Amino acid sequence: MLVGATALETFYPVGIIALILFVVTVLLAIADKLLVSYGECKITVRQEDETKEFTVEGGGKLLTALIDNGMKIPASCGGRGSCGFCKVNVASGGGQVLPTEEVFLSKEEERAGSRLACQVKVKNDIELFVPDLLTTVKGMAKNGTFDTRLKWRFRGGDDQRVVSDGRKVKLDRKSRRSVDAILEKHENSSGTILPILHDINAAFLHLPEPALRMVSEALDIPFSTVFRIATFYNAFSLEPKGRHVISVCMGTACYIKGSPLILESFERELGIKVGETTGDSKFTLKTVSCVGCCGQSPVITVNEHIYGYLKLMEVPQILNKYS
C-alpha cells in the first residue's frame, strides 16, 4: 500500500501538469479559429514564365491554398512536414522559418527564401516562386534522390535512349508489346498515369525511357510531365532494380529509433551500399524520407510489404524470407 501511495503521489503532479497543458493547447486552438481573423489574403505565384494571383481566406496552410487553386506542388507526406518536398521560394509574407522546416533546408536555401509550403500559415499577402522542372531535378540530384549518372539524350525524330554508366537501353519488340498491353489495360480508366507507371515499373523492375515516351504519346501528356512524375515518386526508378527493393525509412521518428544501424546491418548482410543492387539482381537497397508509418518506427519496406518496430536481429530473417 505504501508503494502504491508513493507512486500515486509521484504521478499525480505530472498528470495535473499534462492536463493543464492540454487545456491550454485546446484553448489556444479555439482562440486562433474564433478570435483571430486574418481576412482575405492575396497570393501571387510565379512559376517559370507565368504569374498567377488568387485570393484565399487567411488562417490556412499555404500548401492547401496552392493545391486548391490548381498548383501542382509535390507533397508525398500529405502536408505533415515529414517529406520536405513542398519547397517554394517565398519572396514576402511568409514569416519566420519554423524549427519543423530547418531539418529540410540548408542555410543557402534559407537565405534564398525557401520554405515548406505545408508549414507556412497564410496570415497576410504572400508572394512566392515555385521552382520549374529543371530546378526540381537539380534539387533531387543534390539531395541524392536522383541518380546524377543518368543522362537523357533528346534528338528529334530518333528513338530516345537512356545512357547510364555507358550502358544503352532500348526496348525490343517484345518489350514494346508488353508496354502496349499495359496501356491497353488502362485505356478506359481515369487518372491512369500512376497505375500505368506502376505496372511498367513492376514488369521491367524500372521505368525505361522509351516506355515513358510511349506513355507520353498514348496519354497525350508532355514528356516533361511524365518525367517529373517518374522521378518524384520513390516507388519508381529509372535504373534497373532488384526483384526485391528494400527501403529503409530515414524519417525523424525512424532515425531516432535506430534506422541508421538497421541500414548498416542490411549493407553488411548484402555486401552492397545504399543505392546499389546485388550481383544476382535479387536485392536493391535504398533509403526513403518517410514511409508514412511513424507510429511503427523504425520501419522498412520490402517491395510493398511493411515491417514495423524492426529490430537488428530481424534483418537476416527478412533476407532469408526473400532468398
C-alpha atoms as a PDB file:
ATOM      1  CA  MET A   1       0.000   0.000   0.000  1.00  0.00           C
ATOM      2  CA  LEU A   2       2.843   2.349   0.846  1.00  0.00           C
ATOM      3  CA  VAL A   3       4.496   1.726  -2.528  1.00  0.00           C
ATOM      4  CA  GLY A   4       1.212   2.346  -4.348  1.00  0.00           C
ATOM      5  CA  ALA A   5       0.595   5.559  -2.451  1.00  0.00           C
ATOM      6  CA  THR A   6       4.109   6.810  -3.194  1.00  0.00           C
ATOM      7  CA  ALA A   7       3.718   6.072  -6.900  1.00  0.00           C
ATOM      8  CA  LEU A   8       0.367   7.871  -6.923  1.00  0.00           C
ATOM      9  CA  GLU A   9       1.846  10.897  -5.187  1.00  0.00           C
ATOM     10  CA  THR A  10       4.626  10.997  -7.807  1.00  0.00           C
ATOM     11  CA  PHE A  11       2.326  10.592 -10.789  1.00  0.00           C
ATOM     12  CA  TYR A  12      -0.415  12.961  -9.596  1.00  0.00           C
ATOM     13  CA  PRO A  13       1.500  16.269 -10.173  1.00  0.00           C
ATOM     14  CA  VAL A  14       2.670  15.051 -13.595  1.00  0.00           C
ATOM     15  CA  GLY A  15      -0.897  14.246 -14.583  1.00  0.00           C
ATOM     16  CA  ILE A  16      -2.128  17.652 -13.411  1.00  0.00           C
ATOM     17  CA  ILE A  17       0.572  19.447 -15.436  1.00  0.00           C
ATOM     18  CA  ALA A  18      -0.227  17.372 -18.542  1.00  0.00           C
ATOM     19  CA  LEU A  19      -3.934  18.167 -18.172  1.00  0.00           C
ATOM     20  CA  ILE A  20      -3.224  21.895 -17.813  1.00  0.00           C
ATOM     21  CA  LEU A  21      -1.031  21.877 -20.936  1.00  0.00           C
ATOM     22  CA  PHE A  22      -3.742  20.026 -22.875  1.00  0.00           C
ATOM     23  CA  VAL A  23      -6.421  22.524 -21.833  1.00  0.00           C
ATOM     24  CA  VAL A  24      -4.178  25.484 -22.737  1.00  0.00           C
ATOM     25  CA  THR A  25      -3.445  23.939 -26.150  1.00  0.00           C
ATOM     26  CA  VAL A  26      -7.154  23.440 -26.855  1.00  0.00           C
ATOM     27  CA  LEU A  27      -7.978  26.998 -25.755  1.00  0.00           C
ATOM     28  CA  LEU A  28      -5.245  28.442 -27.977  1.00  0.00           C
ATOM     29  CA  ALA A  29      -6.527  26.437 -30.944  1.00  0.00           C
ATOM     30  CA  ILE A  30     -10.083  27.655 -30.337  1.00  0.00           C
ATOM     31  CA  ALA A  31      -8.901  31.248 -29.922  1.00  0.00           C
ATOM     32  CA  ASP A  32      -6.942  31.038 -33.157  1.00  0.00           C
ATOM     33  CA  LYS A  33     -10.040  29.829 -35.001  1.00  0.00           C
ATOM     34  CA  LEU A  34     -12.639  32.139 -33.465  1.00  0.00           C
ATOM     35  CA  LEU A  35     -10.858  35.261 -32.270  1.00  0.00           C
ATOM     36  CA  VAL A  36      -8.083  35.746 -34.825  1.00  0.00           C
ATOM     37  CA  SER A  37      -9.282  36.812 -38.253  1.00  0.00           C
ATOM     38  CA  TYR A  38      -6.731  37.302 -40.999  1.00  0.00           C
ATOM     39  CA  GLY A  39      -9.337  38.252 -43.582  1.00  0.00           C
ATOM     40  CA  GLU A  40      -8.760  37.750 -47.282  1.00  0.00           C
ATOM     41  CA  CYS A  41      -5.136  37.348 -48.368  1.00  0.00           C
ATOM     42  CA  LYS A  42      -3.768  37.653 -51.889  1.00  0.00           C
ATOM     43  CA  ILE A  43      -1.268  35.038 -53.038  1.00  0.00           C
ATOM     44  CA  THR A  44       0.922  35.830 -56.040  1.00  0.00           C
ATOM     45  CA  VAL A  45       2.682  32.846 -57.613  1.00  0.00           C
ATOM     46  CA  ARG A  46       5.418  32.944 -60.250  1.00  0.00           C
ATOM     47  CA  GLN A  47       6.179  29.658 -61.999  1.00  0.00           C
ATOM     48  CA  GLU A  48       8.522  29.578 -64.990  1.00  0.00           C
ATOM     49  CA  ASP A  49       7.184  32.348 -67.281  1.00  0.00           C
ATOM     50  CA  GLU A  50       3.704  32.527 -65.761  1.00  0.00           C
ATOM     51  CA  THR A  51       2.262  34.593 -62.916  1.00  0.00           C
ATOM     52  CA  LYS A  52      -0.935  33.624 -61.119  1.00  0.00           C
ATOM     53  CA  GLU A  53      -2.857  35.579 -58.484  1.00  0.00           C
ATOM     54  CA  PHE A  54      -5.715  34.396 -56.298  1.00  0.00           C
ATOM     55  CA  THR A  55      -7.385  35.353 -53.027  1.00  0.00           C
ATOM     56  CA  VAL A  56      -7.918  32.987 -50.088  1.00  0.00           C
ATOM     57  CA  GLU A  57      -9.289  33.260 -46.567  1.00  0.00           C
ATOM     58  CA  GLY A  58      -6.364  33.678 -44.175  1.00  0.00           C
ATOM     59  CA  GLY A  59      -5.547  31.187 -41.443  1.00  0.00           C
ATOM     60  CA  GLY A  60      -4.938  28.072 -43.532  1.00  0.00           C
ATOM     61  CA  LYS A  61      -1.759  26.458 -44.794  1.00  0.00           C
ATOM     62  CA  LEU A  62      -0.051  27.770 -47.931  1.00  0.00           C
ATOM     63  CA  LEU A  63       0.170  24.252 -49.409  1.00  0.00           C
ATOM     64  CA  THR A  64      -3.601  23.810 -49.167  1.00  0.00           C
ATOM     65  CA  ALA A  65      -4.210  27.191 -50.805  1.00  0.00           C
ATOM     66  CA  LEU A  66      -1.856  26.376 -53.684  1.00  0.00           C
ATOM     67  CA  ILE A  67      -3.325  22.928 -54.364  1.00  0.00           C
ATOM     68  CA  ASP A  68      -6.912  24.207 -54.111  1.00  0.00           C
ATOM     69  CA  ASN A  69      -6.082  26.765 -56.809  1.00  0.00           C
ATOM     70  CA  GLY A  70      -4.664  24.265 -59.280  1.00  0.00           C
ATOM     71  CA  MET A  71      -0.959  24.458 -58.437  1.00  0.00           C
ATOM     72  CA  LYS A  72       0.899  21.133 -58.692  1.00  0.00           C
ATOM     73  CA  ILE A  73       3.034  21.048 -55.548  1.00  0.00           C
ATOM     74  CA  PRO A  74       4.656  17.708 -54.569  1.00  0.00           C
ATOM     75  CA  ALA A  75       3.911  16.535 -51.022  1.00  0.00           C
ATOM     76  CA  SER A  76       4.281  12.788 -50.520  1.00  0.00           C
ATOM     77  CA  CYS A  77       3.612  13.016 -46.754  1.00  0.00           C
ATOM     78  CA  GLY A  78       0.212  14.661 -47.229  1.00  0.00           C
ATOM     79  CA  GLY A  79       1.312  18.008 -45.798  1.00  0.00           C
ATOM     80  CA  ARG A  80       2.536  16.693 -42.446  1.00  0.00           C
ATOM     81  CA  GLY A  81       6.000  18.215 -42.800  1.00  0.00           C
ATOM     82  CA  SER A  82       7.890  14.914 -42.907  1.00  0.00           C
ATOM     83  CA  CYS A  83       8.983  14.644 -46.563  1.00  0.00           C
ATOM     84  CA  GLY A  84      10.376  18.122 -47.340  1.00  0.00           C
ATOM     85  CA  PHE A  85       9.253  18.008 -50.990  1.00  0.00           C
ATOM     86  CA  CYS A  86       6.873  21.013 -50.986  1.00  0.00           C
ATOM     87  CA  LYS A  87       9.635  23.631 -51.183  1.00  0.00           C
ATOM     88  CA  VAL A  88       8.761  27.037 -52.599  1.00  0.00           C
ATOM     89  CA  ASN A  89      10.666  30.319 -52.595  1.00  0.00           C
ATOM     90  CA  VAL A  90       8.736  32.916 -50.574  1.00  0.00           C
ATOM     91  CA  ALA A  91       9.644  36.487 -51.503  1.00  0.00           C
ATOM     92  CA  SER A  92       7.422  38.164 -48.894  1.00  0.00           C
ATOM     93  CA  GLY A  93       4.724  37.431 -46.347  1.00  0.00           C
ATOM     94  CA  GLY A  94       5.858  34.009 -45.174  1.00  0.00           C
ATOM     95  CA  GLY A  95       7.073  34.945 -41.713  1.00  0.00           C
ATOM     96  CA  GLN A  96       9.967  33.286 -39.889  1.00  0.00           C
ATOM     97  CA  VAL A  97      11.326  29.843 -40.767  1.00  0.00           C
ATOM     98  CA  LEU A  98       9.932  27.303 -38.289  1.00  0.00           C
ATOM     99  CA  PRO A  99      12.011  24.664 -36.460  1.00  0.00           C
ATOM    100  CA  THR A 100       9.991  21.988 -38.290  1.00  0.00           C
ATOM    101  CA  GLU A 101      11.388  23.315 -41.587  1.00  0.00           C
ATOM    102  CA  GLU A 102      15.036  23.705 -40.622  1.00  0.00           C
ATOM    103  CA  VAL A 103      15.804  19.982 -40.891  1.00  0.00           C
ATOM    104  CA  PHE A 104      14.869  20.096 -44.602  1.00  0.00           C
ATOM    105  CA  LEU A 105      16.521  23.418 -45.521  1.00  0.00           C
ATOM    106  CA  SER A 106      20.186  24.207 -45.981  1.00  0.00           C
ATOM    107  CA  LYS A 107      21.500  27.606 -44.883  1.00  0.00           C
ATOM    108  CA  GLU A 108      21.788  28.557 -48.542  1.00  0.00           C
ATOM    109  CA  GLU A 109      18.128  27.677 -49.127  1.00  0.00           C
ATOM    110  CA  GLU A 110      17.039  29.653 -46.066  1.00  0.00           C
ATOM    111  CA  ARG A 111      18.901  32.725 -47.326  1.00  0.00           C
ATOM    112  CA  ALA A 112      17.230  32.302 -50.721  1.00  0.00           C
ATOM    113  CA  GLY A 113      13.787  32.285 -49.089  1.00  0.00           C
ATOM    114  CA  SER A 114      12.976  28.579 -49.429  1.00  0.00           C
ATOM    115  CA  ARG A 115      10.096  27.377 -47.250  1.00  0.00           C
ATOM    116  CA  LEU A 116       7.976  24.266 -46.866  1.00  0.00           C
ATOM    117  CA  ALA A 117       4.536  25.231 -48.160  1.00  0.00           C
ATOM    118  CA  CYS A 118       2.866  22.865 -45.682  1.00  0.00           C
ATOM    119  CA  GLN A 119       4.403  24.758 -42.740  1.00  0.00           C
ATOM    120  CA  VAL A 120       3.654  28.332 -43.867  1.00  0.00           C
ATOM    121  CA  LYS A 121       0.448  29.802 -42.455  1.00  0.00           C
ATOM    122  CA  VAL A 122      -1.361  32.337 -44.631  1.00  0.00           C
ATOM    123  CA  LYS A 123      -1.662  35.410 -42.396  1.00  0.00           C
ATOM    124  CA  ASN A 124      -1.251  38.166 -44.996  1.00  0.00           C
ATOM    125  CA  ASP A 125      -0.473  38.687 -48.678  1.00  0.00           C
ATOM    126  CA  ILE A 126       2.240  36.312 -49.913  1.00  0.00           C
ATOM    127  CA  GLU A 127       4.475  36.465 -52.969  1.00  0.00           C
ATOM    128  CA  LEU A 128       6.284  33.283 -53.925  1.00  0.00           C
ATOM    129  CA  PHE A 129       8.118  31.462 -56.682  1.00  0.00           C
ATOM    130  CA  VAL A 130       7.525  27.781 -57.491  1.00  0.00           C
ATOM    131  CA  PRO A 131      10.676  26.133 -58.952  1.00  0.00           C
ATOM    132  CA  ASP A 132      10.434  24.840 -62.517  1.00  0.00           C
ATOM    133  CA  LEU A 133      11.213  21.278 -63.635  1.00  0.00           C
ATOM    134  CA  LEU A 134      14.942  21.911 -64.122  1.00  0.00           C
ATOM    135  CA  THR A 135      15.320  23.379 -60.639  1.00  0.00           C
ATOM    136  CA  THR A 136      13.361  20.481 -59.156  1.00  0.00           C
ATOM    137  CA  VAL A 137      15.568  17.878 -60.858  1.00  0.00           C
ATOM    138  CA  LYS A 138      18.729  19.699 -59.757  1.00  0.00           C
ATOM    139  CA  GLY A 139      17.440  19.631 -56.199  1.00  0.00           C
ATOM    140  CA  MET A 140      16.801  15.896 -56.468  1.00  0.00           C
ATOM    141  CA  ALA A 141      20.342  15.341 -57.716  1.00  0.00           C
ATOM    142  CA  LYS A 142      21.829  17.482 -54.947  1.00  0.00           C
ATOM    143  CA  ASN A 143      19.840  15.681 -52.244  1.00  0.00           C
ATOM    144  CA  GLY A 144      20.663  12.227 -53.588  1.00  0.00           C
ATOM    145  CA  THR A 145      17.101  11.365 -54.652  1.00  0.00           C
ATOM    146  CA  PHE A 146      18.042  11.353 -58.335  1.00  0.00           C
ATOM    147  CA  ASP A 147      20.942   9.474 -59.904  1.00  0.00           C
ATOM    148  CA  THR A 148      23.305  12.066 -61.393  1.00  0.00           C
ATOM    149  CA  ARG A 149      24.943   9.361 -63.550  1.00  0.00           C
ATOM    150  CA  LEU A 150      21.758   9.096 -65.598  1.00  0.00           C
ATOM    151  CA  LYS A 151      21.928  11.076 -68.847  1.00  0.00           C
ATOM    152  CA  TRP A 152      18.950  11.814 -71.080  1.00  0.00           C
ATOM    153  CA  ARG A 153      19.536  12.387 -74.785  1.00  0.00           C
ATOM    154  CA  PHE A 154      16.848  14.053 -76.858  1.00  0.00           C
ATOM    155  CA  ARG A 155      17.146  14.021 -80.646  1.00  0.00           C
ATOM    156  CA  GLY A 156      14.264  14.993 -82.896  1.00  0.00           C
ATOM    157  CA  GLY A 157      12.945  12.128 -84.985  1.00  0.00           C
ATOM    158  CA  ASP A 158      15.093   9.450 -83.337  1.00  0.00           C
ATOM    159  CA  ASP A 159      14.228   6.948 -80.635  1.00  0.00           C
ATOM    160  CA  GLN A 160      15.128   8.380 -77.258  1.00  0.00           C
ATOM    161  CA  ARG A 161      17.683   6.444 -75.265  1.00  0.00           C
ATOM    162  CA  VAL A 162      18.877   6.324 -71.705  1.00  0.00           C
ATOM    163  CA  VAL A 163      22.611   6.132 -71.200  1.00  0.00           C
ATOM    164  CA  SER A 164      23.692   5.130 -67.707  1.00  0.00           C
ATOM    165  CA  ASP A 165      27.284   4.177 -66.918  1.00  0.00           C
ATOM    166  CA  GLY A 166      27.851   3.730 -70.654  1.00  0.00           C
ATOM    167  CA  ARG A 167      25.013   1.189 -70.947  1.00  0.00           C
ATOM    168  CA  LYS A 168      22.342   1.926 -73.574  1.00  0.00           C
ATOM    169  CA  VAL A 169      18.754   0.896 -73.007  1.00  0.00           C
ATOM    170  CA  LYS A 170      16.294   0.375 -75.865  1.00  0.00           C
ATOM    171  CA  LEU A 171      13.040  -1.552 -75.904  1.00  0.00           C
ATOM    172  CA  ASP A 172      12.903  -4.612 -78.129  1.00  0.00           C
ATOM    173  CA  ARG A 173       9.739  -5.720 -79.907  1.00  0.00           C
ATOM    174  CA  LYS A 174       8.621  -7.993 -77.064  1.00  0.00           C
ATOM    175  CA  SER A 175       9.068  -5.222 -74.501  1.00  0.00           C
ATOM    176  CA  ARG A 176       7.140  -2.745 -76.639  1.00  0.00           C
ATOM    177  CA  ARG A 177       4.281  -5.249 -76.842  1.00  0.00           C
ATOM    178  CA  SER A 178       4.322  -5.502 -73.041  1.00  0.00           C
ATOM    179  CA  VAL A 179       4.033  -1.714 -72.713  1.00  0.00           C
ATOM    180  CA  ASP A 180       1.248  -1.655 -75.318  1.00  0.00           C
ATOM    181  CA  ALA A 181      -0.642  -4.281 -73.306  1.00  0.00           C
ATOM    182  CA  ILE A 182      -0.342  -2.180 -70.142  1.00  0.00           C
ATOM    183  CA  LEU A 183      -1.560   0.934 -71.966  1.00  0.00           C
ATOM    184  CA  GLU A 184      -4.494  -1.014 -73.405  1.00  0.00           C
ATOM    185  CA  LYS A 185      -5.358  -2.372 -69.943  1.00  0.00           C
ATOM    186  CA  HIS A 186      -5.788   1.174 -68.579  1.00  0.00           C
ATOM    187  CA  GLU A 187      -7.244   2.693 -71.754  1.00  0.00           C
ATOM    188  CA  ASN A 188     -10.699   3.460 -70.352  1.00  0.00           C
ATOM    189  CA  SER A 189      -9.629   4.408 -66.825  1.00  0.00           C
ATOM    190  CA  SER A 190      -9.423   7.957 -65.475  1.00  0.00           C
ATOM    191  CA  GLY A 191      -6.273   9.259 -63.791  1.00  0.00           C
ATOM    192  CA  THR A 192      -4.305   6.433 -65.354  1.00  0.00           C
ATOM    193  CA  ILE A 193      -0.703   7.613 -65.397  1.00  0.00           C
ATOM    194  CA  LEU A 194       0.273   6.366 -61.922  1.00  0.00           C
ATOM    195  CA  PRO A 195      -1.244   2.865 -62.393  1.00  0.00           C
ATOM    196  CA  ILE A 196       0.421   2.659 -65.815  1.00  0.00           C
ATOM    197  CA  LEU A 197       3.832   3.635 -64.451  1.00  0.00           C
ATOM    198  CA  HIS A 198       3.334   1.219 -61.550  1.00  0.00           C
ATOM    199  CA  ASP A 199       2.648  -1.683 -63.934  1.00  0.00           C
ATOM    200  CA  ILE A 200       5.585  -0.791 -66.198  1.00  0.00           C
ATOM    201  CA  ASN A 201       7.891  -0.499 -63.195  1.00  0.00           C
ATOM    202  CA  ALA A 202       6.709  -3.920 -61.966  1.00  0.00           C
ATOM    203  CA  ALA A 203       7.188  -5.509 -65.392  1.00  0.00           C
ATOM    204  CA  PHE A 204      10.678  -4.125 -66.090  1.00  0.00           C
ATOM    205  CA  LEU A 205      11.850  -3.514 -62.492  1.00  0.00           C
ATOM    206  CA  HIS A 206      12.405   0.105 -63.563  1.00  0.00           C
ATOM    207  CA  LEU A 207      10.967   2.695 -65.966  1.00  0.00           C
ATOM    208  CA  PRO A 208      12.797   2.527 -69.326  1.00  0.00           C
ATOM    209  CA  GLU A 209      12.853   5.923 -71.030  1.00  0.00           C
ATOM    210  CA  PRO A 210      11.374   4.623 -74.327  1.00  0.00           C
ATOM    211  CA  ALA A 211       8.454   3.263 -72.286  1.00  0.00           C
ATOM    212  CA  LEU A 212       7.935   6.709 -70.735  1.00  0.00           C
ATOM    213  CA  ARG A 213       7.863   8.174 -74.236  1.00  0.00           C
ATOM    214  CA  MET A 214       5.200   5.648 -75.231  1.00  0.00           C
ATOM    215  CA  VAL A 215       3.149   6.683 -72.180  1.00  0.00           C
ATOM    216  CA  SER A 216       3.555  10.350 -73.120  1.00  0.00           C
ATOM    217  CA  GLU A 217       2.292   9.727 -76.645  1.00  0.00           C
ATOM    218  CA  ALA A 218      -0.563   7.423 -75.610  1.00  0.00           C
ATOM    219  CA  LEU A 219      -1.949   9.784 -72.958  1.00  0.00           C
ATOM    220  CA  ASP A 220      -1.101  12.960 -74.894  1.00  0.00           C
ATOM    221  CA  ILE A 221       0.845  14.273 -71.897  1.00  0.00           C
ATOM    222  CA  PRO A 222       4.058  16.330 -72.286  1.00  0.00           C
ATOM    223  CA  PHE A 223       7.128  14.161 -71.818  1.00  0.00           C
ATOM    224  CA  SER A 224       8.417  16.619 -69.190  1.00  0.00           C
ATOM    225  CA  THR A 225       5.319  15.917 -67.070  1.00  0.00           C
ATOM    226  CA  VAL A 226       5.766  12.141 -67.326  1.00  0.00           C
ATOM    227  CA  PHE A 227       9.445  12.573 -66.448  1.00  0.00           C
ATOM    228  CA  ARG A 228       8.602  14.745 -63.420  1.00  0.00           C
ATOM    229  CA  ILE A 229       6.222  12.086 -62.069  1.00  0.00           C
ATOM    230  CA  ALA A 230       8.659   9.245 -62.777  1.00  0.00           C
ATOM    231  CA  THR A 231      11.475  10.959 -60.866  1.00  0.00           C
ATOM    232  CA  PHE A 232       9.375  12.226 -57.957  1.00  0.00           C
ATOM    233  CA  TYR A 233       7.866   9.061 -56.512  1.00  0.00           C
ATOM    234  CA  ASN A 234      10.217   6.788 -54.579  1.00  0.00           C
ATOM    235  CA  ALA A 235       8.274   3.764 -55.833  1.00  0.00           C
ATOM    236  CA  PHE A 236       9.612   4.365 -59.353  1.00  0.00           C
ATOM    237  CA  SER A 237      13.159   4.020 -60.655  1.00  0.00           C
ATOM    238  CA  LEU A 238      14.853   4.970 -63.921  1.00  0.00           C
ATOM    239  CA  GLU A 239      17.546   2.334 -63.395  1.00  0.00           C
ATOM    240  CA  PRO A 240      17.020  -1.445 -63.221  1.00  0.00           C
ATOM    241  CA  LYS A 241      16.329  -2.629 -59.693  1.00  0.00           C
ATOM    242  CA  GLY A 242      16.497  -5.988 -57.971  1.00  0.00           C
ATOM    243  CA  ARG A 243      13.447  -8.220 -57.698  1.00  0.00           C
ATOM    244  CA  HIS A 244      13.115  -7.172 -54.066  1.00  0.00           C
ATOM    245  CA  VAL A 245      13.581  -3.490 -53.221  1.00  0.00           C
ATOM    246  CA  ILE A 246      14.415  -2.832 -49.574  1.00  0.00           C
ATOM    247  CA  SER A 247      13.546   0.709 -48.487  1.00  0.00           C
ATOM    248  CA  VAL A 248      14.844   1.849 -45.101  1.00  0.00           C
ATOM    249  CA  CYS A 249      12.918   4.811 -43.689  1.00  0.00           C
ATOM    250  CA  MET A 250      15.227   7.620 -42.526  1.00  0.00           C
ATOM    251  CA  GLY A 251      12.484   9.983 -41.346  1.00  0.00           C
ATOM    252  CA  THR A 252      12.872  11.713 -37.993  1.00  0.00           C
ATOM    253  CA  ALA A 253      10.960   9.121 -35.926  1.00  0.00           C
ATOM    254  CA  CYS A 254      12.737   6.156 -37.545  1.00  0.00           C
ATOM    255  CA  TYR A 255      16.145   7.854 -37.396  1.00  0.00           C
ATOM    256  CA  ILE A 256      15.839   8.459 -33.658  1.00  0.00           C
ATOM    257  CA  LYS A 257      14.853   4.835 -33.073  1.00  0.00           C
ATOM    258  CA  GLY A 258      17.849   3.345 -34.884  1.00  0.00           C
ATOM    259  CA  SER A 259      17.260   3.248 -38.638  1.00  0.00           C
ATOM    260  CA  PRO A 260      20.946   4.123 -39.405  1.00  0.00           C
ATOM    261  CA  LEU A 261      22.032   0.938 -37.580  1.00  0.00           C
ATOM    262  CA  ILE A 262      19.417  -1.081 -39.456  1.00  0.00           C
ATOM    263  CA  LEU A 263      20.698   0.327 -42.751  1.00  0.00           C
ATOM    264  CA  GLU A 264      24.275  -0.631 -41.834  1.00  0.00           C
ATOM    265  CA  SER A 265      23.099  -4.153 -40.999  1.00  0.00           C
ATOM    266  CA  PHE A 266      21.467  -4.561 -44.421  1.00  0.00           C
ATOM    267  CA  GLU A 267      24.631  -3.248 -46.101  1.00  0.00           C
ATOM    268  CA  ARG A 268      26.754  -5.818 -44.252  1.00  0.00           C
ATOM    269  CA  GLU A 269      24.407  -8.724 -44.934  1.00  0.00           C
ATOM    270  CA  LEU A 270      24.008  -7.895 -48.645  1.00  0.00           C
ATOM    271  CA  GLY A 271      27.556  -6.699 -49.288  1.00  0.00           C
ATOM    272  CA  ILE A 272      26.336  -3.549 -51.040  1.00  0.00           C
ATOM    273  CA  LYS A 273      25.882   0.140 -50.229  1.00  0.00           C
ATOM    274  CA  VAL A 274      22.659   2.113 -50.278  1.00  0.00           C
ATOM    275  CA  GLY A 275      21.527   2.749 -53.853  1.00  0.00           C
ATOM    276  CA  GLU A 276      23.170  -0.433 -55.168  1.00  0.00           C
ATOM    277  CA  THR A 277      21.835  -3.779 -56.378  1.00  0.00           C
ATOM    278  CA  THR A 278      23.252  -7.215 -55.571  1.00  0.00           C
ATOM    279  CA  GLY A 279      25.118  -9.034 -58.329  1.00  0.00           C
ATOM    280  CA  ASP A 280      22.331 -11.610 -58.730  1.00  0.00           C
ATOM    281  CA  SER A 281      19.753  -8.801 -59.202  1.00  0.00           C
ATOM    282  CA  LYS A 282      17.841 -10.128 -56.212  1.00  0.00           C
ATOM    283  CA  PHE A 283      18.006  -7.133 -53.842  1.00  0.00           C
ATOM    284  CA  THR A 284      18.227  -3.357 -54.186  1.00  0.00           C
ATOM    285  CA  LEU A 285      18.862  -1.272 -51.072  1.00  0.00           C
ATOM    286  CA  LYS A 286      17.684   2.329 -50.770  1.00  0.00           C
ATOM    287  CA  THR A 287      16.508   4.895 -48.231  1.00  0.00           C
ATOM    288  CA  VAL A 288      13.292   6.929 -48.196  1.00  0.00           C
ATOM    289  CA  SER A 289      12.345  10.119 -46.370  1.00  0.00           C
ATOM    290  CA  CYS A 290       9.075   8.809 -44.947  1.00  0.00           C
ATOM    291  CA  VAL A 291       7.015   5.631 -45.289  1.00  0.00           C
ATOM    292  CA  GLY A 292       4.027   7.137 -43.502  1.00  0.00           C
ATOM    293  CA  CYS A 293       4.104   4.701 -40.558  1.00  0.00           C
ATOM    294  CA  CYS A 294       5.832   6.853 -37.938  1.00  0.00           C
ATOM    295  CA  GLY A 295       3.894   5.130 -35.149  1.00  0.00           C
ATOM    296  CA  GLN A 296       5.639   1.838 -36.005  1.00  0.00           C
ATOM    297  CA  SER A 297       9.183   3.201 -36.259  1.00  0.00           C
ATOM    298  CA  PRO A 298      11.745   2.056 -37.154  1.00  0.00           C
ATOM    299  CA  VAL A 299      10.158   0.900 -40.407  1.00  0.00           C
ATOM    300  CA  ILE A 300      11.368  -0.690 -43.635  1.00  0.00           C
ATOM    301  CA  THR A 301       9.527  -1.940 -46.681  1.00  0.00           C
ATOM    302  CA  VAL A 302      10.394  -4.852 -48.942  1.00  0.00           C
ATOM    303  CA  ASN A 303       8.572  -4.254 -52.197  1.00  0.00           C
ATOM    304  CA  GLU A 304       5.092  -3.365 -50.887  1.00  0.00           C
ATOM    305  CA  HIS A 305       5.316  -5.209 -47.551  1.00  0.00           C
ATOM    306  CA  ILE A 306       5.827  -3.076 -44.426  1.00  0.00           C
ATOM    307  CA  TYR A 307       7.939  -4.219 -41.477  1.00  0.00           C
ATOM    308  CA  GLY A 308       7.448  -2.066 -38.386  1.00  0.00           C
ATOM    309  CA  TYR A 309       9.059  -1.970 -34.937  1.00  0.00           C
ATOM    310  CA  LEU A 310      12.090  -3.559 -36.623  1.00  0.00           C
ATOM    311  CA  LYS A 311      14.952  -4.968 -34.556  1.00  0.00           C
ATOM    312  CA  LEU A 312      18.516  -5.581 -35.753  1.00  0.00           C
ATOM    313  CA  MET A 313      18.224  -9.324 -35.138  1.00  0.00           C
ATOM    314  CA  GLU A 314      15.344  -9.493 -37.641  1.00  0.00           C
ATOM    315  CA  VAL A 315      17.415  -8.289 -40.617  1.00  0.00           C
ATOM    316  CA  PRO A 316      18.878 -11.741 -41.535  1.00  0.00           C
ATOM    317  CA  GLN A 317      15.447 -13.342 -41.080  1.00  0.00           C
ATOM    318  CA  ILE A 318      13.843 -10.906 -43.525  1.00  0.00           C
ATOM    319  CA  LEU A 319      16.562 -11.504 -46.122  1.00  0.00           C
ATOM    320  CA  ASN A 320      16.198 -15.289 -45.782  1.00  0.00           C
ATOM    321  CA  LYS A 321      12.471 -14.938 -46.387  1.00  0.00           C
ATOM    322  CA  TYR A 322      13.119 -13.448 -49.838  1.00  0.00           C
ATOM    323  CA  SER A 323      16.170 -15.543 -50.782  1.00  0.00           C
END
